[in-house]
Amino acid sequence: MIEEETCQHLAAVKDIKQPQDYICEECVKTHSSWMHLRTCQTCGVTLCCDSSPNTHMTRHFEQTGHPVVISAEPGERWLWCYVDELATGY
């Protein structure tokens, strides 16, 4: 469920794309490590967060413009919009 204070990008997410695997696909390719994972709500790719050395999800946003991610961490239920810098629970 989307909270009252939200943006058009967050409000547009109707079906949450869950991670297929709990790995950063790009870190695996380079034998790097990650801190936390995020899943893109446009294409479903799971990549590492900004606390990770390679910040792959932010790079994904910069390259694709896909605005919304969820935390892929077990037990966390929130979305983040890169464009409007807003978060909300679901």
PDB file of N, CA and C in Angstrom:
ATOM      1  N   MET A   1       0.847  -1.186   0.000  1.00  0.00           N
ATOM      2  CA  MET A   1       0.000   0.000   0.000  1.00  0.00           C
ATOM      3  C   MET A   1       0.887   1.243   0.000  1.00  0.00           C
ATOM      4  N   ILE A   2       0.538   2.233  -0.783  1.00  0.00           N
ATOM      5  CA  ILE A   2       1.291   3.477  -0.895  1.00  0.00           C
ATOM      6  C   ILE A   2       0.757   4.492   0.120  1.00  0.00           C
ATOM      7  N   GLU A   3       1.663   5.155   0.849  1.00  0.00           N
ATOM      8  CA  GLU A   3       1.271   6.154   1.837  1.00  0.00           C
ATOM      9  C   GLU A   3       0.846   7.438   1.132  1.00  0.00           C
ATOM     10  N   GLU A   4       0.248   8.372   1.900  1.00  0.00           N
ATOM     11  CA  GLU A   4      -0.283   9.607   1.330  1.00  0.00           C
ATOM     12  C   GLU A   4       0.786  10.453   0.642  1.00  0.00           C
ATOM     13  N   GLU A   5       1.916  10.720   1.319  1.00  0.00           N
ATOM     14  CA  GLU A   5       2.958  11.554   0.720  1.00  0.00           C
ATOM     15  C   GLU A   5       3.815  10.678  -0.185  1.00  0.00           C
ATOM     16  N   THR A   6       3.587  10.811  -1.462  1.00  0.00           N
ATOM     17  CA  THR A   6       4.299   9.986  -2.425  1.00  0.00           C
ATOM     18  C   THR A   6       4.441  10.765  -3.726  1.00  0.00           C
ATOM     19  N   CYS A   7       5.114  10.174  -4.667  1.00  0.00           N
ATOM     20  CA  CYS A   7       5.286  10.809  -5.971  1.00  0.00           C
ATOM     21  C   CYS A   7       4.596   9.959  -7.023  1.00  0.00           C
ATOM     22  N   GLN A   8       4.524  10.464  -8.242  1.00  0.00           N
ATOM     23  CA  GLN A   8       3.853   9.725  -9.311  1.00  0.00           C
ATOM     24  C   GLN A   8       4.547   8.402  -9.610  1.00  0.00           C
ATOM     25  N   HIS A   9       5.875   8.355  -9.437  1.00  0.00           N
ATOM     26  CA  HIS A   9       6.619   7.125  -9.723  1.00  0.00           C
ATOM     27  C   HIS A   9       6.266   6.027  -8.719  1.00  0.00           C
ATOM     28  N   LEU A  10       6.222   6.394  -7.440  1.00  0.00           N
ATOM     29  CA  LEU A  10       5.863   5.421  -6.405  1.00  0.00           C
ATOM     30  C   LEU A  10       4.405   5.001  -6.542  1.00  0.00           C
ATOM     31  N   ALA A  11       3.547   5.955  -6.828  1.00  0.00           N
ATOM     32  CA  ALA A  11       2.117   5.656  -6.961  1.00  0.00           C
ATOM     33  C   ALA A  11       1.844   4.740  -8.147  1.00  0.00           C
ATOM     34  N   ALA A  12       2.719   4.763  -9.148  1.00  0.00           N
ATOM     35  CA  ALA A  12       2.515   3.942 -10.352  1.00  0.00           C
ATOM     36  C   ALA A  12       2.837   2.469 -10.125  1.00  0.00           C
ATOM     37  N   VAL A  13       3.551   2.148  -9.036  1.00  0.00           N
ATOM     38  CA  VAL A  13       3.912   0.752  -8.764  1.00  0.00           C
ATOM     39  C   VAL A  13       2.698   0.036  -8.189  1.00  0.00           C
ATOM     40  N   LYS A  14       2.180  -0.915  -8.925  1.00  0.00           N
ATOM     41  CA  LYS A  14       0.998  -1.670  -8.483  1.00  0.00           C
ATOM     42  C   LYS A  14       1.354  -3.094  -8.055  1.00  0.00           C
ATOM     43  N   ASP A  15       2.270  -3.723  -8.785  1.00  0.00           N
ATOM     44  CA  ASP A  15       2.714  -5.075  -8.474  1.00  0.00           C
ATOM     45  C   ASP A  15       4.199  -5.034  -8.151  1.00  0.00           C
ATOM     46  N   ILE A  16       4.549  -5.425  -6.935  1.00  0.00           N
ATOM     47  CA  ILE A  16       5.934  -5.383  -6.498  1.00  0.00           C
ATOM     48  C   ILE A  16       6.715  -6.540  -7.123  1.00  0.00           C
ATOM     49  N   LYS A  17       7.801  -6.209  -7.809  1.00  0.00           N
ATOM     50  CA  LYS A  17       8.707  -7.219  -8.359  1.00  0.00           C
ATOM     51  C   LYS A  17       9.663  -7.643  -7.258  1.00  0.00           C
ATOM     52  N   GLN A  18       9.616  -8.903  -6.861  1.00  0.00           N
ATOM     53  CA  GLN A  18      10.495  -9.433  -5.821  1.00  0.00           C
ATOM     54  C   GLN A  18      11.796  -9.928  -6.444  1.00  0.00           C
ATOM     55  N   PRO A  19      12.882  -9.943  -5.669  1.00  0.00           N
ATOM     56  CA  PRO A  19      14.151 -10.422  -6.220  1.00  0.00           C
ATOM     57  C   PRO A  19      14.079 -11.896  -6.589  1.00  0.00           C
ATOM     58  N   GLN A  20      14.726 -12.247  -7.699  1.00  0.00           N
ATOM     59  CA  GLN A  20      14.816 -13.644  -8.110  1.00  0.00           C
ATOM     60  C   GLN A  20      15.899 -14.353  -7.301  1.00  0.00           C
ATOM     61  N   ASP A  21      17.010 -13.671  -7.073  1.00  0.00           N
ATOM     62  CA  ASP A  21      18.131 -14.179  -6.287  1.00  0.00           C
ATOM     63  C   ASP A  21      18.577 -13.075  -5.352  1.00  0.00           C
ATOM     64  N   TYR A  22      19.185 -13.445  -4.250  1.00  0.00           N
ATOM     65  CA  TYR A  22      19.694 -12.454  -3.302  1.00  0.00           C
ATOM     66  C   TYR A  22      21.187 -12.251  -3.539  1.00  0.00           C
ATOM     67  N   ILE A  23      21.503 -11.784  -4.762  1.00  0.00           N
ATOM     68  CA  ILE A  23      22.875 -11.471  -5.148  1.00  0.00           C
ATOM     69  C   ILE A  23      22.860 -10.208  -5.990  1.00  0.00           C
ATOM     70  N   CYS A  24      23.979  -9.484  -5.985  1.00  0.00           N
ATOM     71  CA  CYS A  24      24.148  -8.386  -6.926  1.00  0.00           C
ATOM     72  C   CYS A  24      24.754  -8.990  -8.184  1.00  0.00           C
ATOM     73  N   GLU A  25      24.000  -8.972  -9.248  1.00  0.00           N
ATOM     74  CA  GLU A  25      24.445  -9.594 -10.496  1.00  0.00           C
ATOM     75  C   GLU A  25      25.761  -9.001 -11.004  1.00  0.00           C
ATOM     76  N   GLU A  26      25.958  -7.713 -10.832  1.00  0.00           N
ATOM     77  CA  GLU A  26      27.181  -7.061 -11.305  1.00  0.00           C
ATOM     78  C   GLU A  26      28.366  -7.350 -10.392  1.00  0.00           C
ATOM     79  N   CYS A  27      28.159  -7.382  -9.081  1.00  0.00           N
ATOM     80  CA  CYS A  27      29.248  -7.706  -8.151  1.00  0.00           C
ATOM     81  C   CYS A  27      29.738  -9.134  -8.375  1.00  0.00           C
ATOM     82  N   VAL A  28      28.837 -10.047  -8.665  1.00  0.00           N
ATOM     83  CA  VAL A  28      29.224 -11.430  -8.928  1.00  0.00           C
ATOM     84  C   VAL A  28      30.172 -11.489 -10.124  1.00  0.00           C
ATOM     85  N   LYS A  29      29.874 -10.713 -11.156  1.00  0.00           N
ATOM     86  CA  LYS A  29      30.709 -10.702 -12.368  1.00  0.00           C
ATOM     87  C   LYS A  29      32.139 -10.240 -12.081  1.00  0.00           C
ATOM     88  N   THR A  30      32.302  -9.324 -11.125  1.00  0.00           N
ATOM     89  CA  THR A  30      33.625  -8.762 -10.835  1.00  0.00           C
ATOM     90  C   THR A  30      34.213  -9.295  -9.527  1.00  0.00           C
ATOM     91  N   HIS A  31      33.559 -10.290  -8.936  1.00  0.00           N
ATOM     92  CA  HIS A  31      34.012 -10.894  -7.671  1.00  0.00           C
ATOM     93  C   HIS A  31      34.097  -9.853  -6.559  1.00  0.00           C
ATOM     94  N   SER A  32      33.171  -8.909  -6.564  1.00  0.00           N
ATOM     95  CA  SER A  32      33.090  -7.869  -5.542  1.00  0.00           C
ATOM     96  C   SER A  32      32.087  -8.282  -4.467  1.00  0.00           C
ATOM     97  N   SER A  33      32.041  -7.509  -3.408  1.00  0.00           N
ATOM     98  CA  SER A  33      31.081  -7.775  -2.331  1.00  0.00           C
ATOM     99  C   SER A  33      30.061  -6.637  -2.268  1.00  0.00           C
ATOM    100  N   TRP A  34      28.973  -6.862  -1.560  1.00  0.00           N
ATOM    101  CA  TRP A  34      27.927  -5.859  -1.403  1.00  0.00           C
ATOM    102  C   TRP A  34      27.430  -5.851   0.026  1.00  0.00           C
ATOM    103  N   MET A  35      26.778  -4.743   0.392  1.00  0.00           N
ATOM    104  CA  MET A  35      26.198  -4.597   1.739  1.00  0.00           C
ATOM    105  C   MET A  35      24.731  -5.006   1.725  1.00  0.00           C
ATOM    106  N   HIS A  36      23.918  -4.314   0.926  1.00  0.00           N
ATOM    107  CA  HIS A  36      22.482  -4.563   0.854  1.00  0.00           C
ATOM    108  C   HIS A  36      22.066  -4.575  -0.608  1.00  0.00           C
ATOM    109  N   LEU A  37      20.896  -5.135  -0.855  1.00  0.00           N
ATOM    110  CA  LEU A  37      20.427  -5.286  -2.228  1.00  0.00           C
ATOM    111  C   LEU A  37      19.130  -4.524  -2.465  1.00  0.00           C
ATOM    112  N   ARG A  38      18.937  -4.085  -3.701  1.00  0.00           N
ATOM    113  CA  ARG A  38      17.726  -3.391  -4.138  1.00  0.00           C
ATOM    114  C   ARG A  38      17.254  -4.048  -5.425  1.00  0.00           C
ATOM    115  N   THR A  39      15.929  -4.079  -5.644  1.00  0.00           N
ATOM    116  CA  THR A  39      15.365  -4.647  -6.866  1.00  0.00           C
ATOM    117  C   THR A  39      14.617  -3.564  -7.625  1.00  0.00           C
ATOM    118  N   CYS A  40      14.987  -3.387  -8.897  1.00  0.00           N
ATOM    119  CA  CYS A  40      14.370  -2.400  -9.765  1.00  0.00           C
ATOM    120  C   CYS A  40      12.923  -2.801 -10.049  1.00  0.00           C
ATOM    121  N   GLN A  41      12.008  -1.853  -9.909  1.00  0.00           N
ATOM    122  CA  GLN A  41      10.597  -2.141 -10.130  1.00  0.00           C
ATOM    123  C   GLN A  41      10.180  -1.957 -11.583  1.00  0.00           C
ATOM    124  N   THR A  42      11.091  -1.564 -12.443  1.00  0.00           N
ATOM    125  CA  THR A  42      10.814  -1.497 -13.874  1.00  0.00           C
ATOM    126  C   THR A  42      11.212  -2.797 -14.559  1.00  0.00           C
ATOM    127  N   CYS A  43      12.447  -3.254 -14.314  1.00  0.00           N
ATOM    128  CA  CYS A  43      12.953  -4.426 -15.041  1.00  0.00           C
ATOM    129  C   CYS A  43      13.214  -5.646 -14.167  1.00  0.00           C
ATOM    130  N   GLY A  44      13.215  -5.487 -12.836  1.00  0.00           N
ATOM    131  CA  GLY A  44      13.374  -6.625 -11.934  1.00  0.00           C
ATOM    132  C   GLY A  44      14.798  -7.012 -11.600  1.00  0.00           C
ATOM    133  N   VAL A  45      15.796  -6.281 -12.093  1.00  0.00           N
ATOM    134  CA  VAL A  45      17.188  -6.608 -11.784  1.00  0.00           C
ATOM    135  C   VAL A  45      17.468  -6.300 -10.313  1.00  0.00           C
ATOM    136  N   THR A  46      18.281  -7.139  -9.672  1.00  0.00           N
ATOM    137  CA  THR A  46      18.683  -6.923  -8.282  1.00  0.00           C
ATOM    138  C   THR A  46      20.160  -6.574  -8.257  1.00  0.00           C
ATOM    139  N   LEU A  47      20.469  -5.413  -7.635  1.00  0.00           N
ATOM    140  CA  LEU A  47      21.835  -4.901  -7.584  1.00  0.00           C
ATOM    141  C   LEU A  47      22.116  -4.324  -6.201  1.00  0.00           C
ATOM    142  N   CYS A  48      23.390  -3.962  -5.959  1.00  0.00           N
ATOM    143  CA  CYS A  48      23.791  -3.480  -4.637  1.00  0.00           C
ATOM    144  C   CYS A  48      23.422  -2.009  -4.421  1.00  0.00           C
ATOM    145  N   CYS A  49      23.319  -1.648  -3.150  1.00  0.00           N
ATOM    146  CA  CYS A  49      22.887  -0.304  -2.739  1.00  0.00           C
ATOM    147  C   CYS A  49      24.064   0.666  -2.660  1.00  0.00           C
ATOM    148  N   ASP A  50      23.778   1.896  -2.256  1.00  0.00           N
ATOM    149  CA  ASP A  50      24.806   2.933  -2.158  1.00  0.00           C
ATOM    150  C   ASP A  50      25.768   2.714  -0.993  1.00  0.00           C
ATOM    151  N   SER A  51      25.453   1.849  -0.044  1.00  0.00           N
ATOM    152  CA  SER A  51      26.388   1.521   1.031  1.00  0.00           C
ATOM    153  C   SER A  51      27.436   0.516   0.564  1.00  0.00           C
ATOM    154  N   SER A  52      27.216  -0.057  -0.589  1.00  0.00           N
ATOM    155  CA  SER A  52      28.142  -1.024  -1.174  1.00  0.00           C
ATOM    156  C   SER A  52      29.222  -0.291  -1.969  1.00  0.00           C
ATOM    157  N   PRO A  53      30.412  -0.882  -2.099  1.00  0.00           N
ATOM    158  CA  PRO A  53      31.512  -0.192  -2.786  1.00  0.00           C
ATOM    159  C   PRO A  53      31.198   0.215  -4.233  1.00  0.00           C
ATOM    160  N   ASN A  54      30.417  -0.576  -4.953  1.00  0.00           N
ATOM    161  CA  ASN A  54      30.208  -0.312  -6.378  1.00  0.00           C
ATOM    162  C   ASN A  54      28.909   0.411  -6.720  1.00  0.00           C
ATOM    163  N   THR A  55      28.013   0.581  -5.798  1.00  0.00           N
ATOM    164  CA  THR A  55      26.744   1.311  -5.977  1.00  0.00           C
ATOM    165  C   THR A  55      26.054   0.976  -7.311  1.00  0.00           C
ATOM    166  N   HIS A  56      25.924  -0.301  -7.594  1.00  0.00           N
ATOM    167  CA  HIS A  56      25.394  -0.723  -8.896  1.00  0.00           C
ATOM    168  C   HIS A  56      23.954  -0.290  -9.155  1.00  0.00           C
ATOM    169  N   MET A  57      23.096  -0.239  -8.120  1.00  0.00           N
ATOM    170  CA  MET A  57      21.704   0.148  -8.390  1.00  0.00           C
ATOM    171  C   MET A  57      21.613   1.615  -8.790  1.00  0.00           C
ATOM    172  N   THR A  58      22.388   2.470  -8.153  1.00  0.00           N
ATOM    173  CA  THR A  58      22.382   3.881  -8.552  1.00  0.00           C
ATOM    174  C   THR A  58      22.906   4.019  -9.979  1.00  0.00           C
ATOM    175  N   ARG A  59      23.932   3.285 -10.328  1.00  0.00           N
ATOM    176  CA  ARG A  59      24.440   3.303 -11.705  1.00  0.00           C
ATOM    177  C   ARG A  59      23.361   2.825 -12.678  1.00  0.00           C
ATOM    178  N   HIS A  60      22.609   1.799 -12.274  1.00  0.00           N
ATOM    179  CA  HIS A  60      21.511   1.297 -13.111  1.00  0.00           C
ATOM    180  C   HIS A  60      20.489   2.410 -13.357  1.00  0.00           C
ATOM    181  N   PHE A  61      20.106   3.119 -12.300  1.00  0.00           N
ATOM    182  CA  PHE A  61      19.177   4.238 -12.454  1.00  0.00           C
ATOM    183  C   PHE A  61      19.745   5.297 -13.402  1.00  0.00           C
ATOM    184  N   GLU A  62      21.011   5.664 -13.212  1.00  0.00           N
ATOM    185  CA  GLU A  62      21.625   6.696 -14.056  1.00  0.00           C
ATOM    186  C   GLU A  62      21.667   6.283 -15.525  1.00  0.00           C
ATOM    187  N   GLN A  63      21.870   5.003 -15.796  1.00  0.00           N
ATOM    188  CA  GLN A  63      21.955   4.521 -17.171  1.00  0.00           C
ATOM    189  C   GLN A  63      20.595   4.294 -17.816  1.00  0.00           C
ATOM    190  N   THR A  64      19.596   3.877 -17.020  1.00  0.00           N
ATOM    191  CA  THR A  64      18.305   3.483 -17.585  1.00  0.00           C
ATOM    192  C   THR A  64      17.179   4.475 -17.314  1.00  0.00           C
ATOM    193  N   GLY A  65      17.281   5.239 -16.219  1.00  0.00           N
ATOM    194  CA  GLY A  65      16.191   6.115 -15.820  1.00  0.00           C
ATOM    195  C   GLY A  65      15.074   5.382 -15.086  1.00  0.00           C
ATOM    196  N   HIS A  66      15.261   4.099 -14.775  1.00  0.00           N
ATOM    197  CA  HIS A  66      14.245   3.352 -14.017  1.00  0.00           C
ATOM    198  C   HIS A  66      14.172   3.942 -12.611  1.00  0.00           C
ATOM    199  N   PRO A  67      13.047   4.537 -12.232  1.00  0.00           N
ATOM    200  CA  PRO A  67      13.012   5.381 -11.043  1.00  0.00           C
ATOM    201  C   PRO A  67      12.843   4.690  -9.689  1.00  0.00           C
ATOM    202  N   VAL A  68      12.177   3.535  -9.628  1.00  0.00           N
ATOM    203  CA  VAL A  68      11.775   2.981  -8.330  1.00  0.00           C
ATOM    204  C   VAL A  68      12.430   1.626  -8.064  1.00  0.00           C
ATOM    205  N   VAL A  69      12.929   1.477  -6.835  1.00  0.00           N
ATOM    206  CA  VAL A  69      13.477   0.207  -6.370  1.00  0.00           C
ATOM    207  C   VAL A  69      12.816  -0.156  -5.049  1.00  0.00           C
ATOM    208  N   ILE A  70      12.885  -1.448  -4.713  1.00  0.00           N
ATOM    209  CA  ILE A  70      12.512  -1.875  -3.364  1.00  0.00           C
ATOM    210  C   ILE A  70      13.770  -2.372  -2.679  1.00  0.00           C
ATOM    211  N   SER A  71      13.732  -2.413  -1.362  1.00  0.00           N
ATOM    212  CA  SER A  71      14.770  -3.118  -0.633  1.00  0.00           C
ATOM    213  C   SER A  71      14.558  -4.601  -0.886  1.00  0.00           C
ATOM    214  N   ALA A  72      15.623  -5.299  -1.251  1.00  0.00           N
ATOM    215  CA  ALA A  72      15.543  -6.743  -1.458  1.00  0.00           C
ATOM    216  C   ALA A  72      15.935  -7.492  -0.192  1.00  0.00           C
ATOM    217  N   GLU A  73      16.139  -6.766   0.890  1.00  0.00           N
ATOM    218  CA  GLU A  73      16.534  -7.397   2.144  1.00  0.00           C
ATOM    219  C   GLU A  73      15.326  -8.057   2.807  1.00  0.00           C
ATOM    220  N   PRO A  74      15.474  -9.306   3.253  1.00  0.00           N
ATOM    221  CA  PRO A  74      14.365  -9.998   3.922  1.00  0.00           C
ATOM    222  C   PRO A  74      13.828  -9.182   5.102  1.00  0.00           C
ATOM    223  N   GLY A  75      12.524  -9.058   5.181  1.00  0.00           N
ATOM    224  CA  GLY A  75      11.875  -8.337   6.265  1.00  0.00           C
ATOM    225  C   GLY A  75      11.712  -6.842   6.036  1.00  0.00           C
ATOM    226  N   GLU A  76      12.374  -6.281   5.041  1.00  0.00           N
ATOM    227  CA  GLU A  76      12.224  -4.859   4.740  1.00  0.00           C
ATOM    228  C   GLU A  76      11.187  -4.693   3.650  1.00  0.00           C
ATOM    229  N   ARG A  77      10.256  -3.734   3.831  1.00  0.00           N
ATOM    230  CA  ARG A  77       9.163  -3.527   2.877  1.00  0.00           C
ATOM    231  C   ARG A  77       9.037  -2.036   2.571  1.00  0.00           C
ATOM    232  N   TRP A  78       9.936  -1.527   1.751  1.00  0.00           N
ATOM    233  CA  TRP A  78       9.882  -0.129   1.362  1.00  0.00           C
ATOM    234  C   TRP A  78      10.347   0.033  -0.072  1.00  0.00           C
ATOM    235  N   LEU A  79       9.862   1.137  -0.678  1.00  0.00           N
ATOM    236  CA  LEU A  79      10.231   1.529  -2.036  1.00  0.00           C
ATOM    237  C   LEU A  79      10.960   2.858  -1.968  1.00  0.00           C
ATOM    238  N   TRP A  80      11.854   3.082  -2.943  1.00  0.00           N
ATOM    239  CA  TRP A  80      12.586   4.346  -3.052  1.00  0.00           C
ATOM    240  C   TRP A  80      12.483   4.851  -4.476  1.00  0.00           C
ATOM    241  N   CYS A  81      12.202   6.141  -4.619  1.00  0.00           N
ATOM    242  CA  CYS A  81      12.191   6.790  -5.928  1.00  0.00           C
ATOM    243  C   CYS A  81      13.441   7.636  -6.061  1.00  0.00           C
ATOM    244  N   TYR A  82      14.296   7.287  -7.022  1.00  0.00           N
ATOM    245  CA  TYR A  82      15.514   8.045  -7.274  1.00  0.00           C
ATOM    246  C   TYR A  82      15.209   9.449  -7.801  1.00  0.00           C
ATOM    247  N   VAL A  83      14.207   9.582  -8.640  1.00  0.00           N
ATOM    248  CA  VAL A  83      13.896  10.882  -9.260  1.00  0.00           C
ATOM    249  C   VAL A  83      13.481  11.901  -8.221  1.00  0.00           C
ATOM    250  N   ASP A  84      12.531  11.537  -7.360  1.00  0.00           N
ATOM    251  CA  ASP A  84      11.982  12.481  -6.372  1.00  0.00           C
ATOM    252  C   ASP A  84      12.597  12.337  -4.996  1.00  0.00           C
ATOM    253  N   GLU A  85      13.520  11.371  -4.825  1.00  0.00           N
ATOM    254  CA  GLU A  85      14.178  11.123  -3.539  1.00  0.00           C
ATOM    255  C   GLU A  85      13.163  10.952  -2.414  1.00  0.00           C
ATOM    256  N   LEU A  86      12.179  10.081  -2.657  1.00  0.00           N
ATOM    257  CA  LEU A  86      11.138   9.772  -1.678  1.00  0.00           C
ATOM    258  C   LEU A  86      11.099   8.280  -1.433  1.00  0.00           C
ATOM    259  N   ALA A  87      10.712   7.917  -0.222  1.00  0.00           N
ATOM    260  CA  ALA A  87      10.544   6.510   0.141  1.00  0.00           C
ATOM    261  C   ALA A  87       9.156   6.325   0.720  1.00  0.00           C
ATOM    262  N   THR A  88       8.661   5.101   0.631  1.00  0.00           N
ATOM    263  CA  THR A  88       7.393   4.760   1.240  1.00  0.00           C
ATOM    264  C   THR A  88       7.373   3.282   1.541  1.00  0.00           C
ATOM    265  N   GLY A  89       6.585   2.891   2.517  1.00  0.00           N
ATOM    266  CA  GLY A  89       6.425   1.475   2.836  1.00  0.00           C
ATOM    267  C   GLY A  89       5.371   0.854   1.958  1.00  0.00           C
ATOM    268  N   TYR A  90       5.367  -0.469   1.905  1.00  0.00           N
ATOM    269  CA  TYR A  90       4.320  -1.171   1.173  1.00  0.00           C
ATOM    270  C   TYR A  90       3.894  -2.400   1.929  1.00  0.00           C
TER     271      TYR A  90
END
